[in-house]
Amino acid sequence: MTGQTRLQQTSELEETFRIGQLAGEFDITLRALRFYEDKGLISPKRVGTTRLYSRGDRARLKIILLGKRLGFSLVDIAEILALYDPSTNNLRQITVSIEKGQEQLQKLNDERKRLDQSIQELTETIADLERMVVDTKK
């Protein structure tokens, strides 16, 4: 059986995506997809040298990218993904996601407070410097 025949049979059994398709859909690099695979976050099937991603891999990738955008570490994302268990309605996964989400929200709020303080200080410093320039021109 040729690689192309195996690829066609795999595609007929379930919907699959090639690396370029997922990279294009999610606007990420092939290298990023390979990185997530190396970290064990996604596990595409292989037909020869071709990576075939399942709908489950695609869903996991969506969660990975959402987690990254929200500032979660790969360790946290991996923990959440590992808790997937449809036989329990994913209650543990959801509970841990809420806990980690609340922790991240607190970190982001703390960061916003620090940024607001820095913006205020910089605004005041610029105003002081602009007054100095005006005063020296008098």
Protein backbone atom coordinates (compact mmCIF):
# COMPACT_ATOMS: atom_id res chain seq x y z
CA MET A 1 0.00 0.00 0.00
CA THR A 2 1.43 3.39 -0.96
CA GLY A 3 1.67 6.38 1.36
CA GLN A 4 -0.95 8.18 -0.71
CA THR A 5 -3.37 5.24 -0.38
CA ARG A 6 -2.87 5.13 3.41
CA LEU A 7 -3.41 8.88 3.54
CA GLN A 8 -6.68 8.58 1.62
CA GLN A 9 -7.92 5.75 3.84
CA THR A 10 -7.10 7.70 7.01
CA SER A 11 -8.87 10.77 5.67
CA GLU A 12 -11.96 8.74 4.82
CA LEU A 13 -12.24 7.35 8.37
CA GLU A 14 -12.18 10.67 10.17
CA GLU A 15 -11.70 14.30 9.34
CA THR A 16 -8.01 15.16 9.44
CA PHE A 17 -5.96 18.26 8.86
CA ARG A 18 -2.45 18.65 7.54
CA ILE A 19 0.09 20.80 9.31
CA GLY A 20 -0.19 23.59 6.74
CA GLN A 21 -3.97 23.66 7.04
CA LEU A 22 -3.89 24.13 10.81
CA ALA A 23 -1.06 26.63 10.61
CA GLY A 24 -3.03 28.69 8.11
CA GLU A 25 -6.31 28.42 9.98
CA PHE A 26 -4.80 29.54 13.29
CA ASP A 27 -2.20 31.89 11.78
CA ILE A 28 0.73 30.15 13.46
CA THR A 29 3.97 28.74 12.12
CA LEU A 30 4.69 25.13 11.28
CA ARG A 31 7.46 25.38 13.85
CA ALA A 32 4.92 26.29 16.56
CA LEU A 33 2.84 23.22 15.72
CA ARG A 34 5.91 21.02 15.88
CA PHE A 35 6.87 22.62 19.20
CA TYR A 36 3.46 21.81 20.71
CA GLU A 37 3.85 18.27 19.41
CA ASP A 38 7.33 17.99 20.97
CA LYS A 39 5.85 19.14 24.29
CA GLY A 40 3.19 16.43 24.07
CA LEU A 41 0.31 18.88 23.85
CA ILE A 42 -0.91 17.52 20.51
CA SER A 43 -0.29 14.14 18.94
CA PRO A 44 -0.84 13.98 15.19
CA LYS A 45 -0.85 10.65 13.43
CA ARG A 46 1.86 10.06 10.91
CA VAL A 47 1.54 8.61 7.46
CA GLY A 48 5.11 8.49 6.24
CA THR A 49 6.43 11.97 6.93
CA THR A 50 2.98 13.57 6.77
CA ARG A 51 1.43 14.73 10.03
CA LEU A 52 -2.33 14.27 10.20
CA TYR A 53 -4.15 16.15 12.93
CA SER A 54 -7.54 14.94 14.16
CA ARG A 55 -10.49 17.09 15.18
CA GLY A 56 -9.36 16.42 18.76
CA ASP A 57 -5.88 17.78 17.99
CA ARG A 58 -7.52 20.82 16.41
CA ALA A 59 -9.64 21.38 19.54
CA ARG A 60 -6.56 20.99 21.76
CA LEU A 61 -4.68 23.49 19.60
CA LYS A 62 -7.53 25.97 20.03
CA ILE A 63 -7.24 25.60 23.81
CA ILE A 64 -3.45 25.91 23.69
CA LEU A 65 -3.60 29.14 21.70
CA LEU A 66 -6.35 30.60 23.89
CA GLY A 67 -4.30 29.76 26.97
CA LYS A 68 -1.21 31.41 25.47
CA ARG A 69 -3.17 34.57 24.58
CA LEU A 70 -4.44 34.73 28.16
CA GLY A 71 -0.93 34.37 29.54
CA PHE A 72 -1.12 30.80 30.85
CA SER A 73 2.12 28.82 31.02
CA LEU A 74 2.52 25.70 28.90
CA VAL A 75 2.62 23.73 32.16
CA ASP A 76 -0.82 25.07 33.13
CA ILE A 77 -2.16 24.42 29.63
CA ALA A 78 -0.80 20.86 29.68
CA GLU A 79 -2.40 20.25 33.07
CA ILE A 80 -5.78 21.44 31.83
CA LEU A 81 -5.53 19.34 28.66
CA ALA A 82 -4.50 16.25 30.64
CA LEU A 83 -7.68 16.47 32.71
CA TYR A 84 -9.93 15.88 29.70
CA ASP A 85 -12.34 13.09 30.66
CA PRO A 86 -15.69 13.08 28.87
CA SER A 87 -16.96 10.27 31.14
CA THR A 88 -17.12 12.80 34.01
CA ASN A 89 -18.48 15.67 31.90
CA ASN A 90 -14.97 17.14 32.31
CA LEU A 91 -15.94 18.53 35.70
CA ARG A 92 -12.38 18.34 37.05
CA GLN A 93 -11.00 19.98 33.90
CA ILE A 94 -13.56 22.76 34.17
CA THR A 95 -12.89 23.27 37.90
CA VAL A 96 -9.12 23.49 37.38
CA SER A 97 -9.65 25.83 34.42
CA ILE A 98 -11.72 28.14 36.63
CA GLU A 99 -9.09 28.08 39.39
CA LYS A 100 -6.24 28.79 36.98
CA GLY A 101 -8.34 31.43 35.23
CA GLN A 102 -8.98 33.24 38.52
CA GLU A 103 -5.26 33.13 39.35
CA GLN A 104 -4.36 34.50 35.92
CA LEU A 105 -7.02 37.20 36.17
CA GLN A 106 -5.52 38.33 39.48
CA LYS A 107 -2.03 38.42 37.90
CA LEU A 108 -3.35 40.48 34.98
CA ASN A 109 -5.15 42.90 37.31
CA ASP A 110 -1.96 43.32 39.36
CA GLU A 111 -0.01 43.92 36.15
CA ARG A 112 -2.60 46.48 35.01
CA LYS A 113 -2.22 48.32 38.33
CA ARG A 114 1.57 48.42 37.86
CA LEU A 115 1.16 49.61 34.27
CA ASP A 116 -1.31 52.32 35.30
CA GLN A 117 1.19 53.54 37.91
CA SER A 118 4.00 53.57 35.36
CA ILE A 119 1.83 55.44 32.86
CA GLN A 120 0.94 58.03 35.49
CA GLU A 121 4.59 58.50 36.48
CA LEU A 122 5.74 58.79 32.88
CA THR A 123 2.95 61.25 32.06
CA GLU A 124 3.97 63.42 35.03
CA THR A 125 7.67 63.19 34.10
CA ILE A 126 7.00 64.22 30.50
CA ALA A 127 4.87 67.15 31.71
CA ASP A 128 7.66 68.25 34.08
CA LEU A 129 10.25 68.02 31.29
CA GLU A 130 8.03 69.95 28.89
CA ARG A 131 7.65 72.70 31.53
CA MET A 132 11.45 72.80 31.88
CA VAL A 133 11.80 73.29 28.13
CA VAL A 134 9.25 76.11 28.15
CA ASP A 135 10.92 77.74 31.20
CA THR A 136 14.36 77.67 29.55
CA LYS A 137 12.97 79.45 26.45
CA LYS A 138 11.68 82.38 28.50
